[in-house]
PDB file of N, CA and C in Angstrom:
ATOM      1  N   MET A   1      24.416 -98.502 -61.319  1.00  0.00           N
ATOM      2  CA  MET A   1      25.365 -99.005 -60.189  1.00  0.00           C
ATOM      3  C   MET A   1      23.948 -99.804 -59.122  1.00  0.00           C
ATOM      4  N   GLU A   2      25.009-100.644 -58.398  1.00  0.00           N
ATOM      5  CA  GLU A   2      24.507-101.907 -57.804  1.00  0.00           C
ATOM      6  C   GLU A   2      24.885-101.389 -56.210  1.00  0.00           C
ATOM      7  N   ALA A   3      23.648-102.271 -55.550  1.00  0.00           N
ATOM      8  CA  ALA A   3      24.194-101.979 -53.793  1.00  0.00           C
ATOM      9  C   ALA A   3      24.261-103.562 -53.109  1.00  0.00           C
ATOM     10  N   SER A   4      25.142-103.662 -53.492  1.00  0.00           N
ATOM     11  CA  SER A   4      25.422-104.674 -52.730  1.00  0.00           C
ATOM     12  C   SER A   4      25.154-105.138 -51.864  1.00  0.00           C
ATOM     13  N   LEU A   5      24.517-106.589 -50.744  1.00  0.00           N
ATOM     14  CA  LEU A   5      23.894-106.681 -49.474  1.00  0.00           C
ATOM     15  C   LEU A   5      24.458-108.055 -49.583  1.00  0.00           C
ATOM     16  N   TRP A   6      25.161-108.285 -48.712  1.00  0.00           N
ATOM     17  CA  TRP A   6      25.395-110.314 -48.023  1.00  0.00           C
ATOM     18  C   TRP A   6      24.631-110.949 -47.451  1.00  0.00           C
ATOM     19  N   THR A   7      24.223-112.081 -47.825  1.00  0.00           N
ATOM     20  CA  THR A   7      22.719-111.796 -46.614  1.00  0.00           C
ATOM     21  C   THR A   7      23.057-113.050 -46.678  1.00  0.00           C
ATOM     22  N   GLU A   8      24.261-113.224 -45.821  1.00  0.00           N
ATOM     23  CA  GLU A   8      25.003-115.077 -45.262  1.00  0.00           C
ATOM     24  C   GLU A   8      23.777-114.615 -43.855  1.00  0.00           C
ATOM     25  N   MET A   9      23.996-113.906 -43.348  1.00  0.00           N
ATOM     26  CA  MET A   9      23.740-113.274 -41.647  1.00  0.00           C
ATOM     27  C   MET A   9      22.754-112.858 -41.815  1.00  0.00           C
ATOM     28  N   VAL A  10      22.008-112.599 -42.969  1.00  0.00           N
ATOM     29  CA  VAL A  10      20.361-111.322 -42.188  1.00  0.00           C
ATOM     30  C   VAL A  10      19.045-112.502 -42.261  1.00  0.00           C
ATOM     31  N   ARG A  11      18.783-112.981 -41.133  1.00  0.00           N
ATOM     32  CA  ARG A  11      17.617-113.582 -40.841  1.00  0.00           C
ATOM     33  C   ARG A  11      16.438-113.681 -41.535  1.00  0.00           C
ATOM     34  N   THR A  12      16.278-112.493 -40.878  1.00  0.00           N
ATOM     35  CA  THR A  12      14.578-111.689 -40.487  1.00  0.00           C
ATOM     36  C   THR A  12      14.236-111.198 -41.681  1.00  0.00           C
ATOM     37  N   PRO A  13      13.232-110.866 -42.498  1.00  0.00           N
ATOM     38  CA  PRO A  13      13.098-109.370 -43.450  1.00  0.00           C
ATOM     39  C   PRO A  13      13.318-108.021 -42.270  1.00  0.00           C
ATOM     40  N   GLU A  14      12.801-108.309 -41.287  1.00  0.00           N
ATOM     41  CA  GLU A  14      13.357-106.897 -40.471  1.00  0.00           C
ATOM     42  C   GLU A  14      14.723-105.855 -40.089  1.00  0.00           C
ATOM     43  N   GLN A  15      15.470-107.661 -40.188  1.00  0.00           N
ATOM     44  CA  GLN A  15      16.689-107.112 -40.585  1.00  0.00           C
ATOM     45  C   GLN A  15      17.263-106.941 -41.533  1.00  0.00           C
ATOM     46  N   LEU A  16      16.706-107.084 -43.019  1.00  0.00           N
ATOM     47  CA  LEU A  16      17.020-106.911 -43.651  1.00  0.00           C
ATOM     48  C   LEU A  16      16.533-105.775 -44.577  1.00  0.00           C
ATOM     49  N   ASP A  17      16.016-105.323 -43.362  1.00  0.00           N
ATOM     50  CA  ASP A  17      15.403-103.544 -43.639  1.00  0.00           C
ATOM     51  C   ASP A  17      15.549-103.168 -42.713  1.00  0.00           C
ATOM     52  N   TYR A  18      16.822-103.234 -42.027  1.00  0.00           N
ATOM     53  CA  TYR A  18      17.653-102.402 -40.531  1.00  0.00           C
ATOM     54  C   TYR A  18      18.629-102.568 -41.432  1.00  0.00           C
ATOM     55  N   MET A  19      18.689-102.909 -42.315  1.00  0.00           N
ATOM     56  CA  MET A  19      20.496-102.940 -43.117  1.00  0.00           C
ATOM     57  C   MET A  19      20.603-102.407 -44.738  1.00  0.00           C
ATOM     58  N   LEU A  20      19.354-102.548 -44.802  1.00  0.00           N
ATOM     59  CA  LEU A  20      18.966-101.190 -45.872  1.00  0.00           C
ATOM     60  C   LEU A  20      18.794-100.122 -46.524  1.00  0.00           C
ATOM     61  N   PHE A  21      18.039 -99.818 -45.340  1.00  0.00           N
ATOM     62  CA  PHE A  21      17.199 -98.793 -45.086  1.00  0.00           C
ATOM     63  C   PHE A  21      17.649 -98.025 -44.228  1.00  0.00           C
ATOM     64  N   PRO A  22      18.103 -96.037 -44.678  1.00  0.00           N
ATOM     65  CA  PRO A  22      18.351 -95.561 -45.561  1.00  0.00           C
ATOM     66  C   PRO A  22      19.023 -95.402 -46.891  1.00  0.00           C
ATOM     67  N   ARG A  23      19.893 -96.637 -47.234  1.00  0.00           N
ATOM     68  CA  ARG A  23      20.412 -96.516 -47.407  1.00  0.00           C
ATOM     69  C   ARG A  23      19.802 -96.812 -49.362  1.00  0.00           C
ATOM     70  N   LEU A  24      19.730 -97.675 -48.992  1.00  0.00           N
ATOM     71  CA  LEU A  24      18.673 -97.632 -50.406  1.00  0.00           C
ATOM     72  C   LEU A  24      17.920 -96.340 -50.928  1.00  0.00           C
ATOM     73  N   LEU A  25      17.917 -96.284 -50.407  1.00  0.00           N
ATOM     74  CA  LEU A  25      17.139 -94.916 -51.263  1.00  0.00           C
ATOM     75  C   LEU A  25      18.186 -93.456 -51.284  1.00  0.00           C
ATOM     76  N   ALA A  26      19.885 -93.562 -51.641  1.00  0.00           N
ATOM     77  CA  ALA A  26      20.825 -93.130 -51.165  1.00  0.00           C
ATOM     78  C   ALA A  26      20.907 -93.161 -52.543  1.00  0.00           C
ATOM     79  N   VAL A  27      20.616 -94.250 -52.604  1.00  0.00           N
ATOM     80  CA  VAL A  27      22.022 -95.718 -54.234  1.00  0.00           C
ATOM     81  C   VAL A  27      20.389 -95.099 -55.207  1.00  0.00           C
ATOM     82  N   ALA A  28      19.464 -94.878 -54.948  1.00  0.00           N
ATOM     83  CA  ALA A  28      18.417 -94.270 -55.994  1.00  0.00           C
ATOM     84  C   ALA A  28      18.755 -93.030 -56.367  1.00  0.00           C
ATOM     85  N   GLU A  29      17.931 -92.912 -55.437  1.00  0.00           N
ATOM     86  CA  GLU A  29      18.032 -90.608 -56.245  1.00  0.00           C
ATOM     87  C   GLU A  29      20.094 -91.128 -56.867  1.00  0.00           C
ATOM     88  N   ARG A  30      20.817 -91.276 -56.437  1.00  0.00           N
ATOM     89  CA  ARG A  30      22.007 -90.835 -57.363  1.00  0.00           C
ATOM     90  C   ARG A  30      21.964 -91.410 -58.841  1.00  0.00           C
ATOM     91  N   SER A  31      21.527 -93.068 -58.686  1.00  0.00           N
ATOM     92  CA  SER A  31      20.652 -93.676 -59.781  1.00  0.00           C
ATOM     93  C   SER A  31      20.493 -93.343 -60.427  1.00  0.00           C
ATOM     94  N   TRP A  32      18.996 -92.094 -60.053  1.00  0.00           N
ATOM     95  CA  TRP A  32      18.287 -92.084 -61.638  1.00  0.00           C
ATOM     96  C   TRP A  32      18.303 -90.240 -61.392  1.00  0.00           C
ATOM     97  N   HIS A  33      18.325 -90.316 -60.287  1.00  0.00           N
ATOM     98  CA  HIS A  33      19.028 -88.610 -61.172  1.00  0.00           C
ATOM     99  C   HIS A  33      19.742 -88.051 -61.069  1.00  0.00           C
ATOM    100  N   GLU A  34      20.029 -87.063 -62.464  1.00  0.00           N
ATOM    101  CA  GLU A  34      20.946 -86.318 -63.095  1.00  0.00           C
ATOM    102  C   GLU A  34      21.785 -85.348 -62.472  1.00  0.00           C
ATOM    103  N   ALA A  35      22.478 -84.786 -61.075  1.00  0.00           N
ATOM    104  CA  ALA A  35      22.951 -83.898 -60.560  1.00  0.00           C
ATOM    105  C   ALA A  35      23.406 -82.484 -62.012  1.00  0.00           C
ATOM    106  N   ASP A  36      22.643 -81.697 -60.892  1.00  0.00           N
ATOM    107  CA  ASP A  36      23.506 -79.784 -61.483  1.00  0.00           C
ATOM    108  C   ASP A  36      25.385 -79.825 -61.888  1.00  0.00           C
ATOM    109  N   TRP A  37      26.075 -80.865 -60.567  1.00  0.00           N
ATOM    110  CA  TRP A  37      26.716 -80.231 -60.625  1.00  0.00           C
ATOM    111  C   TRP A  37      27.403 -81.447 -61.216  1.00  0.00           C
ATOM    112  N   GLN A  38      27.052 -82.552 -61.410  1.00  0.00           N
ATOM    113  CA  GLN A  38      27.958 -83.035 -62.134  1.00  0.00           C
ATOM    114  C   GLN A  38      28.398 -82.674 -63.493  1.00  0.00           C
ATOM    115  N   SER A  39      27.790 -81.466 -64.599  1.00  0.00           N
ATOM    116  CA  SER A  39      28.414 -80.518 -65.387  1.00  0.00           C
ATOM    117  C   SER A  39      28.742 -79.764 -64.686  1.00  0.00           C
ATOM    118  N   ALA A  40      29.431 -78.773 -63.118  1.00  0.00           N
ATOM    119  CA  ALA A  40      29.405 -77.648 -63.448  1.00  0.00           C
ATOM    120  C   ALA A  40      31.082 -77.268 -63.565  1.00  0.00           C
ATOM    121  N   ASP A  41      30.844 -76.415 -64.596  1.00  0.00           N
ATOM    122  CA  ASP A  41      32.409 -75.790 -65.354  1.00  0.00           C
ATOM    123  C   ASP A  41      33.499 -76.206 -64.426  1.00  0.00           C
ATOM    124  N   THR A  42      33.719 -75.395 -62.475  1.00  0.00           N
ATOM    125  CA  THR A  42      34.632 -75.390 -62.085  1.00  0.00           C
ATOM    126  C   THR A  42      34.591 -75.953 -61.146  1.00  0.00           C
ATOM    127  N   ALA A  43      35.709 -76.783 -59.660  1.00  0.00           N
ATOM    128  CA  ALA A  43      35.856 -77.426 -58.436  1.00  0.00           C
ATOM    129  C   ALA A  43      35.064 -76.252 -57.738  1.00  0.00           C
ATOM    130  N   SER A  44      35.151 -74.834 -57.569  1.00  0.00           N
ATOM    131  CA  SER A  44      33.770 -74.324 -56.395  1.00  0.00           C
ATOM    132  C   SER A  44      32.039 -74.889 -56.539  1.00  0.00           C
ATOM    133  N   LEU A  45      31.785 -73.754 -57.785  1.00  0.00           N
ATOM    134  CA  LEU A  45      30.551 -74.028 -58.396  1.00  0.00           C
ATOM    135  C   LEU A  45      29.917 -75.918 -58.277  1.00  0.00           C
ATOM    136  N   MET A  46      31.542 -76.706 -58.746  1.00  0.00           N
ATOM    137  CA  MET A  46      30.675 -78.146 -58.225  1.00  0.00           C
ATOM    138  C   MET A  46      30.606 -78.602 -56.448  1.00  0.00           C
ATOM    139  N   LYS A  47      31.277 -78.283 -55.826  1.00  0.00           N
ATOM    140  CA  LYS A  47      31.827 -78.036 -54.734  1.00  0.00           C
ATOM    141  C   LYS A  47      29.447 -77.684 -54.409  1.00  0.00           C
ATOM    142  N   SER A  48      29.907 -76.192 -54.074  1.00  0.00           N
ATOM    143  CA  SER A  48      28.808 -75.188 -54.554  1.00  0.00           C
ATOM    144  C   SER A  48      27.404 -76.371 -54.281  1.00  0.00           C
ATOM    145  N   ARG A  49      27.173 -76.157 -56.116  1.00  0.00           N
ATOM    146  CA  ARG A  49      26.328 -77.598 -56.256  1.00  0.00           C
ATOM    147  C   ARG A  49      25.565 -78.275 -55.680  1.00  0.00           C
ATOM    148  N   ARG A  50      27.378 -79.287 -55.055  1.00  0.00           N
ATOM    149  CA  ARG A  50      26.465 -80.479 -54.510  1.00  0.00           C
ATOM    150  C   ARG A  50      26.219 -80.502 -52.800  1.00  0.00           C
ATOM    151  N   THR A  51      27.231 -79.492 -52.030  1.00  0.00           N
ATOM    152  CA  THR A  51      26.652 -79.004 -50.813  1.00  0.00           C
ATOM    153  C   THR A  51      25.262 -79.010 -51.187  1.00  0.00           C
ATOM    154  N   HIS A  52      24.873 -77.782 -52.209  1.00  0.00           N
ATOM    155  CA  HIS A  52      23.176 -78.053 -51.788  1.00  0.00           C
ATOM    156  C   HIS A  52      22.740 -79.067 -51.959  1.00  0.00           C
ATOM    157  N   ASP A  53      22.973 -79.382 -53.368  1.00  0.00           N
ATOM    158  CA  ASP A  53      22.343 -80.919 -53.206  1.00  0.00           C
ATOM    159  C   ASP A  53      22.395 -81.441 -52.628  1.00  0.00           C
ATOM    160  N   TRP A  54      23.337 -82.305 -52.043  1.00  0.00           N
ATOM    161  CA  TRP A  54      23.247 -83.207 -50.754  1.00  0.00           C
ATOM    162  C   TRP A  54      22.480 -83.049 -49.516  1.00  0.00           C
ATOM    163  N   GLU A  55      22.805 -80.932 -48.850  1.00  0.00           N
ATOM    164  CA  GLU A  55      21.402 -80.678 -48.052  1.00  0.00           C
ATOM    165  C   GLU A  55      20.166 -80.955 -48.778  1.00  0.00           C
ATOM    166  N   GLN A  56      19.475 -80.633 -49.702  1.00  0.00           N
ATOM    167  CA  GLN A  56      18.344 -80.522 -50.474  1.00  0.00           C
ATOM    168  C   GLN A  56      18.038 -82.945 -49.556  1.00  0.00           C
ATOM    169  N   PHE A  57      18.828 -83.483 -50.591  1.00  0.00           N
ATOM    170  CA  PHE A  57      18.592 -85.023 -50.072  1.00  0.00           C
ATOM    171  C   PHE A  57      18.074 -85.009 -49.195  1.00  0.00           C
ATOM    172  N   ALA A  58      19.328 -84.726 -47.694  1.00  0.00           N
ATOM    173  CA  ALA A  58      19.472 -84.780 -46.384  1.00  0.00           C
ATOM    174  C   ALA A  58      17.670 -84.462 -46.162  1.00  0.00           C
ATOM    175  N   ASN A  59      17.473 -83.091 -46.366  1.00  0.00           N
ATOM    176  CA  ASN A  59      16.320 -82.543 -45.623  1.00  0.00           C
ATOM    177  C   ASN A  59      15.387 -83.914 -45.840  1.00  0.00           C
ATOM    178  N   THR A  60      15.286 -84.000 -47.106  1.00  0.00           N
ATOM    179  CA  THR A  60      13.960 -84.280 -47.856  1.00  0.00           C
ATOM    180  C   THR A  60      13.843 -86.435 -46.894  1.00  0.00           C
ATOM    181  N   VAL A  61      14.777 -86.661 -47.117  1.00  0.00           N
ATOM    182  CA  VAL A  61      14.540 -87.787 -46.777  1.00  0.00           C
ATOM    183  C   VAL A  61      14.452 -87.634 -44.992  1.00  0.00           C
ATOM    184  N   GLY A  62      15.182 -86.992 -44.416  1.00  0.00           N
ATOM    185  CA  GLY A  62      14.887 -86.728 -43.318  1.00  0.00           C
ATOM    186  C   GLY A  62      13.757 -86.088 -42.287  1.00  0.00           C
ATOM    187  N   TYR A  63      13.060 -85.424 -43.285  1.00  0.00           N
ATOM    188  CA  TYR A  63      11.699 -85.013 -43.174  1.00  0.00           C
ATOM    189  C   TYR A  63      10.820 -86.045 -43.163  1.00  0.00           C
ATOM    190  N   ARG A  64      10.493 -86.313 -44.999  1.00  0.00           N
ATOM    191  CA  ARG A  64       9.158 -87.666 -45.367  1.00  0.00           C
ATOM    192  C   ARG A  64       9.680 -88.431 -45.595  1.00  0.00           C
ATOM    193  N   GLU A  65      10.747 -89.269 -46.128  1.00  0.00           N
ATOM    194  CA  GLU A  65      11.006 -89.961 -46.629  1.00  0.00           C
ATOM    195  C   GLU A  65      11.232 -90.820 -45.070  1.00  0.00           C
ATOM    196  N   LEU A  66      11.601 -90.611 -43.877  1.00  0.00           N
ATOM    197  CA  LEU A  66      11.455 -91.982 -43.225  1.00  0.00           C
ATOM    198  C   LEU A  66      10.506 -91.500 -42.625  1.00  0.00           C
ATOM    199  N   ARG A  67       9.816 -90.227 -42.757  1.00  0.00           N
ATOM    200  CA  ARG A  67       8.181 -90.708 -41.855  1.00  0.00           C
ATOM    201  C   ARG A  67       7.082 -92.263 -42.835  1.00  0.00           C
ATOM    202  N   ASN A  68       7.432 -92.065 -43.967  1.00  0.00           N
ATOM    203  CA  ASN A  68       6.996 -92.784 -45.008  1.00  0.00           C
ATOM    204  C   ASN A  68       7.535 -94.378 -44.723  1.00  0.00           C
ATOM    205  N   LEU A  69       9.375 -94.113 -44.193  1.00  0.00           N
ATOM    206  CA  LEU A  69       9.124 -95.605 -43.935  1.00  0.00           C
ATOM    207  C   LEU A  69       8.807 -95.938 -42.618  1.00  0.00           C
ATOM    208  N   GLU A  70       8.451 -95.013 -41.829  1.00  0.00           N
ATOM    209  CA  GLU A  70       7.812 -95.518 -40.484  1.00  0.00           C
ATOM    210  C   GLU A  70       6.663 -96.072 -40.728  1.00  0.00           C
ATOM    211  N   HIS A  71       5.572 -95.291 -41.452  1.00  0.00           N
ATOM    212  CA  HIS A  71       4.198 -95.495 -41.891  1.00  0.00           C
ATOM    213  C   HIS A  71       4.548 -96.738 -42.009  1.00  0.00           C
ATOM    214  N   LEU A  72       5.275 -97.231 -42.557  1.00  0.00           N
ATOM    215  CA  LEU A  72       5.194 -98.358 -44.013  1.00  0.00           C
ATOM    216  C   LEU A  72       6.069 -99.819 -43.080  1.00  0.00           C
ATOM    217  N   GLY A  73       6.044 -99.495 -41.522  1.00  0.00           N
ATOM    218  CA  GLY A  73       6.544-100.217 -41.228  1.00  0.00           C
ATOM    219  C   GLY A  73       7.711-100.770 -40.812  1.00  0.00           C
ATOM    220  N   ILE A  74       8.674-100.279 -41.283  1.00  0.00           N
ATOM    221  CA  ILE A  74      10.710-100.323 -41.887  1.00  0.00           C
ATOM    222  C   ILE A  74      10.895-100.486 -40.525  1.00  0.00           C
ATOM    223  N   LYS A  75      11.974-100.736 -40.240  1.00  0.00           N
ATOM    224  CA  LYS A  75      12.751-100.427 -39.091  1.00  0.00           C
ATOM    225  C   LYS A  75      14.431-100.425 -39.895  1.00  0.00           C
ATOM    226  N   TYR A  76      14.630 -99.316 -40.243  1.00  0.00           N
ATOM    227  CA  TYR A  76      15.750 -98.177 -40.720  1.00  0.00           C
ATOM    228  C   TYR A  76      16.512 -97.774 -39.797  1.00  0.00           C
ATOM    229  N   ARG A  77      17.781 -98.173 -39.937  1.00  0.00           N
ATOM    230  CA  ARG A  77      19.114 -97.971 -39.184  1.00  0.00           C
ATOM    231  C   ARG A  77      19.392 -96.711 -39.589  1.00  0.00           C
ATOM    232  N   LEU A  78      19.891 -95.708 -38.496  1.00  0.00           N
ATOM    233  CA  LEU A  78      20.538 -93.987 -38.314  1.00  0.00           C
ATOM    234  C   LEU A  78      21.911 -94.048 -37.626  1.00  0.00           C
ATOM    235  N   PRO A  79      23.434 -94.566 -38.162  1.00  0.00           N
ATOM    236  CA  PRO A  79      24.592 -94.534 -37.512  1.00  0.00           C
ATOM    237  C   PRO A  79      24.215 -92.583 -36.289  1.00  0.00           C
ATOM    238  N   PRO A  80      24.586 -93.421 -35.515  1.00  0.00           N
ATOM    239  CA  PRO A  80      24.853 -92.551 -34.374  1.00  0.00           C
ATOM    240  C   PRO A  80      25.044 -90.951 -34.729  1.00  0.00           C
ATOM    241  N   PRO A  81      25.284 -89.482 -34.751  1.00  0.00           N
ATOM    242  CA  PRO A  81      25.977 -88.676 -35.164  1.00  0.00           C
ATOM    243  C   PRO A  81      27.633 -88.242 -34.782  1.00  0.00           C
ATOM    244  N   GLY A  82      28.686 -88.263 -35.301  1.00  0.00           N
ATOM    245  CA  GLY A  82      29.647 -87.629 -35.198  1.00  0.00           C
ATOM    246  C   GLY A  82      30.144 -89.172 -35.444  1.00  0.00           C
ATOM    247  N   VAL A  83      30.100 -90.013 -35.509  1.00  0.00           N
ATOM    248  CA  VAL A  83      30.858 -91.234 -36.034  1.00  0.00           C
ATOM    249  C   VAL A  83      31.160 -91.332 -36.960  1.00  0.00           C
ATOM    250  N   ARG A  84      32.735 -92.300 -37.066  1.00  0.00           N
ATOM    251  CA  ARG A  84      32.802 -91.885 -38.220  1.00  0.00           C
ATOM    252  C   ARG A  84      33.304 -93.396 -39.187  1.00  0.00           C
TER     253      ARG A  84
END
């Protein structure tokens, strides 16, 4: 798995953090974790398991990992709700 970042316009370590996090957490999770939904027998089972896996991941990031990033002084970016 690859997570590319074009750094021509990145001028500071803080800007790098802002552009990488929390996306890098999702890349790491997807790279190292083989999800149950990947081996589901039916499309409905896959969807159900994937939804559960996403909710668990989003809650972990939101309630634990973002706090850890703040503690480390990492200035991360969260897109505004509802934006596509």
